[in-house]
């Protein structure tokens, strides 16, 4: 997949108005801007922690500012397109560009592995233009799947967030969307090995992969460790 069109937008920039993820508690926060990293072509070894704040919110009266990744990475080491990034709404832009390039066909099921459903409906519908701006300025981490379904990106969503779901099989063809918050402490009731082994098998079978590190819900050093566990030691056969 050619990522040059994506790189024209994902070049590293700040959002300093109350839009997208920066709209959360905007009026109550001291910090008024969040960072969107640049996108590079690379591999798992290029995943690194960033210093800039990528998500900011008020939780129980206290301001929480979380850094994310130093850069987003498009990895083709395993013969498939894998996008690794921090806030989950960016997946919409990557899906849109992959569909435009014919990387996978419209109408596949989306296997969404996530602590949350992320199916809230955004205030503005997508007009079919400029998915990069829409993903960053209109969408947030909780509402990016509904417009993708409405636009026909996927036929349906298979939400994987329960123990029995990690014992189920896979569709013949599917897009895999992983939020690493599935490994957050509140999800510890699902055995680690069960999740990890299922995800490794899903990764081998998927037509296209997006992986979000979810800074607000998971410590990012743990997220980097999990990515390496999932991909570096992955069976390449």
C-alpha atoms as a PDB file:
ATOM      1  CA  UNK A   1       0.000   0.000   0.000  1.00  0.00           C
ATOM      2  CA  UNK A   2       1.287   3.447  -0.918  1.00  0.00           C
ATOM      3  CA  UNK A   3       1.104   5.740   2.123  1.00  0.00           C
ATOM      4  CA  UNK A   4       2.262   8.971   0.436  1.00  0.00           C
ATOM      5  CA  UNK A   5      -1.268  10.447   0.440  1.00  0.00           C
ATOM      6  CA  UNK A   6      -1.580   9.709   4.140  1.00  0.00           C
ATOM      7  CA  UNK A   7       1.832  11.185   4.881  1.00  0.00           C
ATOM      8  CA  UNK A   8       0.803  14.513   3.327  1.00  0.00           C
ATOM      9  CA  UNK A   9      -1.676  14.835   6.185  1.00  0.00           C
ATOM     10  CA  UNK A  10       0.041  12.833   8.917  1.00  0.00           C
ATOM     11  CA  UNK A  11       3.186  14.938   9.040  1.00  0.00           C
ATOM     12  CA  UNK A  12       3.065  15.820  12.739  1.00  0.00           C
ATOM     13  CA  UNK A  13       0.784  18.674  13.835  1.00  0.00           C
ATOM     14  CA  UNK A  14      -1.153  20.076  16.783  1.00  0.00           C
ATOM     15  CA  UNK A  15      -4.913  20.466  17.178  1.00  0.00           C
ATOM     16  CA  UNK A  16      -5.599  23.499  19.355  1.00  0.00           C
ATOM     17  CA  UNK A  17      -9.340  24.011  18.862  1.00  0.00           C
ATOM     18  CA  UNK A  18     -12.185  22.042  20.515  1.00  0.00           C
ATOM     19  CA  UNK A  19     -12.638  19.480  17.742  1.00  0.00           C
ATOM     20  CA  UNK A  20     -12.185  15.719  17.550  1.00  0.00           C
ATOM     21  CA  UNK A  21     -10.383  14.289  20.557  1.00  0.00           C
ATOM     22  CA  UNK A  22      -9.430  17.775  21.685  1.00  0.00           C
ATOM     23  CA  UNK A  23     -13.081  18.601  22.417  1.00  0.00           C
ATOM     24  CA  UNK A  24     -13.158  16.477  25.583  1.00  0.00           C
ATOM     25  CA  UNK A  25     -13.432  18.852  28.603  1.00  0.00           C
ATOM     26  CA  UNK A  26     -11.826  21.562  26.475  1.00  0.00           C
ATOM     27  CA  UNK A  27     -13.222  24.514  28.458  1.00  0.00           C
ATOM     28  CA  UNK A  28     -12.174  23.007  31.794  1.00  0.00           C
ATOM     29  CA  UNK A  29      -8.627  22.057  30.847  1.00  0.00           C
ATOM     30  CA  UNK A  30      -5.424  24.038  31.226  1.00  0.00           C
ATOM     31  CA  UNK A  31      -3.835  22.159  28.343  1.00  0.00           C
ATOM     32  CA  UNK A  32      -5.570  23.257  25.147  1.00  0.00           C
ATOM     33  CA  UNK A  33      -3.859  21.249  22.448  1.00  0.00           C
ATOM     34  CA  UNK A  34      -3.072  17.695  21.453  1.00  0.00           C
ATOM     35  CA  UNK A  35      -0.528  16.323  19.031  1.00  0.00           C
ATOM     36  CA  UNK A  36      -1.015  14.057  16.034  1.00  0.00           C
ATOM     37  CA  UNK A  37       2.271  12.312  15.121  1.00  0.00           C
ATOM     38  CA  UNK A  38       3.689  11.793  11.666  1.00  0.00           C
ATOM     39  CA  UNK A  39       3.274   8.528   9.775  1.00  0.00           C
ATOM     40  CA  UNK A  40       6.299   6.587   8.553  1.00  0.00           C
ATOM     41  CA  UNK A  41       6.857   3.372   6.700  1.00  0.00           C
ATOM     42  CA  UNK A  42       8.788   1.063   8.975  1.00  0.00           C
ATOM     43  CA  UNK A  43       8.584  -1.887  11.305  1.00  0.00           C
ATOM     44  CA  UNK A  44       7.923  -2.754  14.919  1.00  0.00           C
ATOM     45  CA  UNK A  45      11.421  -1.576  15.815  1.00  0.00           C
ATOM     46  CA  UNK A  46      10.316   1.971  14.913  1.00  0.00           C
ATOM     47  CA  UNK A  47       7.594   2.032  17.580  1.00  0.00           C
ATOM     48  CA  UNK A  48       8.640   4.442  20.322  1.00  0.00           C
ATOM     49  CA  UNK A  49       7.109   6.501  23.091  1.00  0.00           C
ATOM     50  CA  UNK A  50       6.456  10.156  22.369  1.00  0.00           C
ATOM     51  CA  UNK A  51       6.625  13.188  24.656  1.00  0.00           C
ATOM     52  CA  UNK A  52       3.788  15.293  23.271  1.00  0.00           C
ATOM     53  CA  UNK A  53       0.296  15.137  24.781  1.00  0.00           C
ATOM     54  CA  UNK A  54      -2.075  13.312  22.419  1.00  0.00           C
ATOM     55  CA  UNK A  55      -5.125  13.023  24.683  1.00  0.00           C
ATOM     56  CA  UNK A  56      -6.368  15.336  27.416  1.00  0.00           C
ATOM     57  CA  UNK A  57      -9.459  15.075  29.605  1.00  0.00           C
ATOM     58  CA  UNK A  58     -10.859  15.817  33.048  1.00  0.00           C
ATOM     59  CA  UNK A  59     -11.341  12.731  35.234  1.00  0.00           C
ATOM     60  CA  UNK A  60     -12.982  13.099  38.647  1.00  0.00           C
ATOM     61  CA  UNK A  61     -12.069  16.762  38.707  1.00  0.00           C
ATOM     62  CA  UNK A  62      -8.409  16.269  37.773  1.00  0.00           C
ATOM     63  CA  UNK A  63      -6.835  17.026  34.407  1.00  0.00           C
ATOM     64  CA  UNK A  64      -5.197  13.989  32.822  1.00  0.00           C
ATOM     65  CA  UNK A  65      -2.751  14.615  29.970  1.00  0.00           C
ATOM     66  CA  UNK A  66      -1.352  11.569  28.241  1.00  0.00           C
ATOM     67  CA  UNK A  67       1.486  11.313  25.711  1.00  0.00           C
ATOM     68  CA  UNK A  68       1.248   8.723  22.960  1.00  0.00           C
ATOM     69  CA  UNK A  69       3.591   7.420  20.292  1.00  0.00           C
ATOM     70  CA  UNK A  70       6.491   9.325  18.795  1.00  0.00           C
ATOM     71  CA  UNK A  71       5.278   8.366  15.328  1.00  0.00           C
ATOM     72  CA  UNK A  72       2.672   6.244  13.597  1.00  0.00           C
ATOM     73  CA  UNK A  73       4.049   3.241  11.707  1.00  0.00           C
ATOM     74  CA  UNK A  74       2.910   1.448   8.579  1.00  0.00           C
ATOM     75  CA  UNK A  75       4.483  -2.021   8.704  1.00  0.00           C
ATOM     76  CA  UNK A  76       4.454  -4.481   5.806  1.00  0.00           C
ATOM     77  CA  UNK A  77       7.011  -6.877   7.287  1.00  0.00           C
ATOM     78  CA  UNK A  78       4.519  -9.733   7.361  1.00  0.00           C
ATOM     79  CA  UNK A  79       3.170  -9.371   3.836  1.00  0.00           C
ATOM     80  CA  UNK A  80       0.113  -7.387   4.941  1.00  0.00           C
ATOM     81  CA  UNK A  81      -0.602  -3.769   5.777  1.00  0.00           C
ATOM     82  CA  UNK A  82      -0.439  -3.097   9.525  1.00  0.00           C
ATOM     83  CA  UNK A  83      -0.996   0.432  10.843  1.00  0.00           C
ATOM     84  CA  UNK A  84       0.130   1.160  14.411  1.00  0.00           C
ATOM     85  CA  UNK A  85      -0.972   4.441  16.012  1.00  0.00           C
ATOM     86  CA  UNK A  86      -2.225   5.882  19.308  1.00  0.00           C
ATOM     87  CA  UNK A  87      -5.774   7.341  19.325  1.00  0.00           C
ATOM     88  CA  UNK A  88      -8.204   4.921  17.743  1.00  0.00           C
ATOM     89  CA  UNK A  89     -10.155   7.342  15.521  1.00  0.00           C
ATOM     90  CA  UNK A  90      -7.224   7.484  13.077  1.00  0.00           C
ATOM     91  CA  UNK A  91      -8.270   4.015  11.925  1.00  0.00           C
ATOM     92  CA  UNK A  92     -11.037   5.658   9.878  1.00  0.00           C
ATOM     93  CA  UNK A  93      -8.507   7.495   7.692  1.00  0.00           C
ATOM     94  CA  UNK A  94      -6.395   4.377   7.206  1.00  0.00           C
ATOM     95  CA  UNK A  95      -9.440   2.288   6.260  1.00  0.00           C
ATOM     96  CA  UNK A  96     -10.612   4.931   3.791  1.00  0.00           C
ATOM     97  CA  UNK A  97      -7.244   5.163   2.053  1.00  0.00           C
ATOM     98  CA  UNK A  98      -6.842   1.379   1.924  1.00  0.00           C
ATOM     99  CA  UNK A  99     -10.271   1.063   0.311  1.00  0.00           C
ATOM    100  CA  UNK A 100      -9.428   3.811  -2.197  1.00  0.00           C
ATOM    101  CA  UNK A 101      -6.329   1.842  -3.199  1.00  0.00           C
ATOM    102  CA  UNK A 102      -8.163  -1.482  -3.360  1.00  0.00           C
ATOM    103  CA  UNK A 103      -6.129  -3.039  -0.568  1.00  0.00           C
ATOM    104  CA  UNK A 104      -9.249  -4.824   0.660  1.00  0.00           C
ATOM    105  CA  UNK A 105     -12.774  -4.820  -0.764  1.00  0.00           C
ATOM    106  CA  UNK A 106     -15.726  -2.976   0.704  1.00  0.00           C
ATOM    107  CA  UNK A 107     -18.116  -5.082   2.723  1.00  0.00           C
ATOM    108  CA  UNK A 108     -15.765  -7.321   4.696  1.00  0.00           C
ATOM    109  CA  UNK A 109     -16.630  -7.781   8.377  1.00  0.00           C
ATOM    110  CA  UNK A 110     -14.649  -5.746  10.879  1.00  0.00           C
ATOM    111  CA  UNK A 111     -13.298  -7.784  13.791  1.00  0.00           C
ATOM    112  CA  UNK A 112     -13.055  -5.118  16.481  1.00  0.00           C
ATOM    113  CA  UNK A 113     -11.010  -6.226  19.511  1.00  0.00           C
ATOM    114  CA  UNK A 114     -11.584  -3.544  22.098  1.00  0.00           C
ATOM    115  CA  UNK A 115     -12.615  -2.879  25.661  1.00  0.00           C
ATOM    116  CA  UNK A 116     -15.173  -0.440  24.183  1.00  0.00           C
ATOM    117  CA  UNK A 117     -17.628  -0.664  21.280  1.00  0.00           C
ATOM    118  CA  UNK A 118     -16.660   2.747  19.815  1.00  0.00           C
ATOM    119  CA  UNK A 119     -20.004   2.944  18.011  1.00  0.00           C
ATOM    120  CA  UNK A 120     -21.327   6.304  19.172  1.00  0.00           C
ATOM    121  CA  UNK A 121     -22.724   8.412  16.352  1.00  0.00           C
ATOM    122  CA  UNK A 122     -20.719  11.564  15.543  1.00  0.00           C
ATOM    123  CA  UNK A 123     -22.471  14.919  15.207  1.00  0.00           C
ATOM    124  CA  UNK A 124     -21.520  15.244  11.546  1.00  0.00           C
ATOM    125  CA  UNK A 125     -21.828  12.512   8.942  1.00  0.00           C
ATOM    126  CA  UNK A 126     -18.998  11.896   6.515  1.00  0.00           C
ATOM    127  CA  UNK A 127     -19.604  13.450   3.099  1.00  0.00           C
ATOM    128  CA  UNK A 128     -17.220  11.076   1.350  1.00  0.00           C
ATOM    129  CA  UNK A 129     -14.526  13.733   1.050  1.00  0.00           C
ATOM    130  CA  UNK A 130     -11.237  14.199   2.915  1.00  0.00           C
ATOM    131  CA  UNK A 131     -11.321  11.254   5.328  1.00  0.00           C
ATOM    132  CA  UNK A 132      -8.138  12.501   7.011  1.00  0.00           C
ATOM    133  CA  UNK A 133      -9.719  15.774   8.104  1.00  0.00           C
ATOM    134  CA  UNK A 134     -12.916  13.977   9.117  1.00  0.00           C
ATOM    135  CA  UNK A 135     -11.017  11.462  11.245  1.00  0.00           C
ATOM    136  CA  UNK A 136      -9.153  14.179  13.133  1.00  0.00           C
ATOM    137  CA  UNK A 137     -11.551  17.115  13.263  1.00  0.00           C
ATOM    138  CA  UNK A 138     -14.937  15.416  13.574  1.00  0.00           C
ATOM    139  CA  UNK A 139     -14.322  11.960  15.024  1.00  0.00           C
ATOM    140  CA  UNK A 140     -13.004  10.888  18.396  1.00  0.00           C
ATOM    141  CA  UNK A 141     -11.951   7.646  20.052  1.00  0.00           C
ATOM    142  CA  UNK A 142     -15.546   6.624  20.733  1.00  0.00           C
ATOM    143  CA  UNK A 143     -17.415   7.274  17.481  1.00  0.00           C
ATOM    144  CA  UNK A 144     -15.330   6.257  14.467  1.00  0.00           C
ATOM    145  CA  UNK A 145     -16.962   2.905  13.680  1.00  0.00           C
ATOM    146  CA  UNK A 146     -20.528   4.090  13.018  1.00  0.00           C
ATOM    147  CA  UNK A 147     -19.564   6.341  10.072  1.00  0.00           C
ATOM    148  CA  UNK A 148     -17.401   3.548   8.632  1.00  0.00           C
ATOM    149  CA  UNK A 149     -20.380   1.199   8.674  1.00  0.00           C
ATOM    150  CA  UNK A 150     -22.666   3.886   7.237  1.00  0.00           C
ATOM    151  CA  UNK A 151     -20.188   4.506   4.420  1.00  0.00           C
ATOM    152  CA  UNK A 152     -20.159   0.801   3.572  1.00  0.00           C
ATOM    153  CA  UNK A 153     -16.573   0.170   4.595  1.00  0.00           C
ATOM    154  CA  UNK A 154     -17.681  -2.989   6.411  1.00  0.00           C
ATOM    155  CA  UNK A 155     -20.669  -5.322   6.334  1.00  0.00           C
ATOM    156  CA  UNK A 156     -20.858  -5.617  10.108  1.00  0.00           C
ATOM    157  CA  UNK A 157     -18.809  -5.431  13.285  1.00  0.00           C
ATOM    158  CA  UNK A 158     -17.765  -8.430  15.353  1.00  0.00           C
ATOM    159  CA  UNK A 159     -16.948  -7.016  18.774  1.00  0.00           C
ATOM    160  CA  UNK A 160     -14.409  -9.132  20.646  1.00  0.00           C
ATOM    161  CA  UNK A 161     -14.355  -8.235  24.331  1.00  0.00           C
ATOM    162  CA  UNK A 162     -15.560 -11.289  26.254  1.00  0.00           C
ATOM    163  CA  UNK A 163     -13.843 -14.576  27.197  1.00  0.00           C
ATOM    164  CA  UNK A 164     -15.999 -16.624  24.837  1.00  0.00           C
ATOM    165  CA  UNK A 165     -15.194 -14.288  21.952  1.00  0.00           C
ATOM    166  CA  UNK A 166     -11.514 -15.142  22.358  1.00  0.00           C
ATOM    167  CA  UNK A 167     -12.379 -18.788  21.798  1.00  0.00           C
ATOM    168  CA  UNK A 168     -14.375 -18.232  18.617  1.00  0.00           C
ATOM    169  CA  UNK A 169     -13.217 -18.816  15.063  1.00  0.00           C
ATOM    170  CA  UNK A 170     -12.701 -16.256  12.312  1.00  0.00           C
ATOM    171  CA  UNK A 171     -14.553 -15.181   9.164  1.00  0.00           C
ATOM    172  CA  UNK A 172     -13.018 -16.332   5.895  1.00  0.00           C
ATOM    173  CA  UNK A 173     -11.887 -12.774   5.141  1.00  0.00           C
ATOM    174  CA  UNK A 174     -11.928  -9.820   7.519  1.00  0.00           C
ATOM    175  CA  UNK A 175     -10.313  -6.580   8.614  1.00  0.00           C
ATOM    176  CA  UNK A 176      -8.763  -6.746  12.084  1.00  0.00           C
ATOM    177  CA  UNK A 177      -8.942  -3.721  14.374  1.00  0.00           C
ATOM    178  CA  UNK A 178      -7.123  -4.061  17.705  1.00  0.00           C
ATOM    179  CA  UNK A 179      -7.292  -1.668  20.618  1.00  0.00           C
ATOM    180  CA  UNK A 180      -4.590  -2.622  23.088  1.00  0.00           C
ATOM    181  CA  UNK A 181      -6.822  -1.465  25.931  1.00  0.00           C
ATOM    182  CA  UNK A 182      -8.129  -5.031  25.795  1.00  0.00           C
ATOM    183  CA  UNK A 183      -5.051  -5.654  27.979  1.00  0.00           C
ATOM    184  CA  UNK A 184      -5.837  -2.864  30.451  1.00  0.00           C
ATOM    185  CA  UNK A 185      -6.215  -3.856  34.124  1.00  0.00           C
ATOM    186  CA  UNK A 186     -10.025  -3.836  33.995  1.00  0.00           C
ATOM    187  CA  UNK A 187      -9.832  -6.597  31.360  1.00  0.00           C
ATOM    188  CA  UNK A 188      -7.618  -8.886  33.454  1.00  0.00           C
ATOM    189  CA  UNK A 189     -10.543 -11.236  34.044  1.00  0.00           C
ATOM    190  CA  UNK A 190      -9.775 -12.593  30.556  1.00  0.00           C
ATOM    191  CA  UNK A 191      -6.546 -14.647  30.694  1.00  0.00           C
ATOM    192  CA  UNK A 192      -3.575 -12.935  29.086  1.00  0.00           C
ATOM    193  CA  UNK A 193      -2.480 -16.011  27.132  1.00  0.00           C
ATOM    194  CA  UNK A 194      -5.999 -16.540  25.779  1.00  0.00           C
ATOM    195  CA  UNK A 195      -6.070 -13.012  24.374  1.00  0.00           C
ATOM    196  CA  UNK A 196      -2.518 -13.068  23.090  1.00  0.00           C
ATOM    197  CA  UNK A 197      -2.772 -16.437  21.337  1.00  0.00           C
ATOM    198  CA  UNK A 198      -6.111 -15.568  19.720  1.00  0.00           C
ATOM    199  CA  UNK A 199      -4.768 -12.233  18.491  1.00  0.00           C
ATOM    200  CA  UNK A 200      -1.651 -13.804  17.009  1.00  0.00           C
ATOM    201  CA  UNK A 201      -3.829 -16.184  15.024  1.00  0.00           C
ATOM    202  CA  UNK A 202      -6.138 -13.338  13.960  1.00  0.00           C
ATOM    203  CA  UNK A 203      -3.139 -11.333  12.776  1.00  0.00           C
ATOM    204  CA  UNK A 204      -2.046 -14.168  10.495  1.00  0.00           C
ATOM    205  CA  UNK A 205      -5.490 -14.400   8.916  1.00  0.00           C
ATOM    206  CA  UNK A 206      -6.546 -10.738   8.528  1.00  0.00           C
ATOM    207  CA  UNK A 207      -6.684  -8.899   5.194  1.00  0.00           C
ATOM    208  CA  UNK A 208      -5.759  -5.570   6.799  1.00  0.00           C
ATOM    209  CA  UNK A 209      -4.791  -4.578  10.343  1.00  0.00           C
ATOM    210  CA  UNK A 210      -5.087  -1.469  12.503  1.00  0.00           C
ATOM    211  CA  UNK A 211      -3.641  -1.375  16.035  1.00  0.00           C
ATOM    212  CA  UNK A 212      -4.357   1.470  18.473  1.00  0.00           C
ATOM    213  CA  UNK A 213      -2.315   1.948  21.628  1.00  0.00           C
ATOM    214  CA  UNK A 214      -5.056   4.010  23.400  1.00  0.00           C
ATOM    215  CA  UNK A 215      -2.995   6.344  25.612  1.00  0.00           C
ATOM    216  CA  UNK A 216      -5.934   7.336  27.810  1.00  0.00           C
ATOM    217  CA  UNK A 217      -6.728   3.725  28.720  1.00  0.00           C
ATOM    218  CA  UNK A 218      -3.348   1.989  28.759  1.00  0.00           C
ATOM    219  CA  UNK A 219       0.169   2.926  29.823  1.00  0.00           C
ATOM    220  CA  UNK A 220       2.092   3.400  26.605  1.00  0.00           C
ATOM    221  CA  UNK A 221       5.216   1.550  27.675  1.00  0.00           C
ATOM    222  CA  UNK A 222       2.993  -1.477  28.180  1.00  0.00           C
ATOM    223  CA  UNK A 223       1.397  -0.889  24.783  1.00  0.00           C
ATOM    224  CA  UNK A 224       4.812  -0.911  23.096  1.00  0.00           C
ATOM    225  CA  UNK A 225       5.674  -4.144  24.902  1.00  0.00           C
ATOM    226  CA  UNK A 226       2.407  -5.726  23.748  1.00  0.00           C
ATOM    227  CA  UNK A 227       2.991  -4.734  20.129  1.00  0.00           C
ATOM    228  CA  UNK A 228       6.398  -6.368  20.201  1.00  0.00           C
ATOM    229  CA  UNK A 229       4.933  -9.456  21.848  1.00  0.00           C
ATOM    230  CA  UNK A 230       2.270  -9.671  19.148  1.00  0.00           C
ATOM    231  CA  UNK A 231       4.439  -8.970  16.131  1.00  0.00           C
ATOM    232  CA  UNK A 232       8.138  -9.583  16.712  1.00  0.00           C
ATOM    233  CA  UNK A 233       7.608 -13.114  17.970  1.00  0.00           C
ATOM    234  CA  UNK A 234       4.832 -13.786  15.505  1.00  0.00           C
ATOM    235  CA  UNK A 235       4.991 -16.964  13.433  1.00  0.00           C
ATOM    236  CA  UNK A 236       5.837 -15.692   9.954  1.00  0.00           C
ATOM    237  CA  UNK A 237       4.949 -18.925   8.166  1.00  0.00           C
END
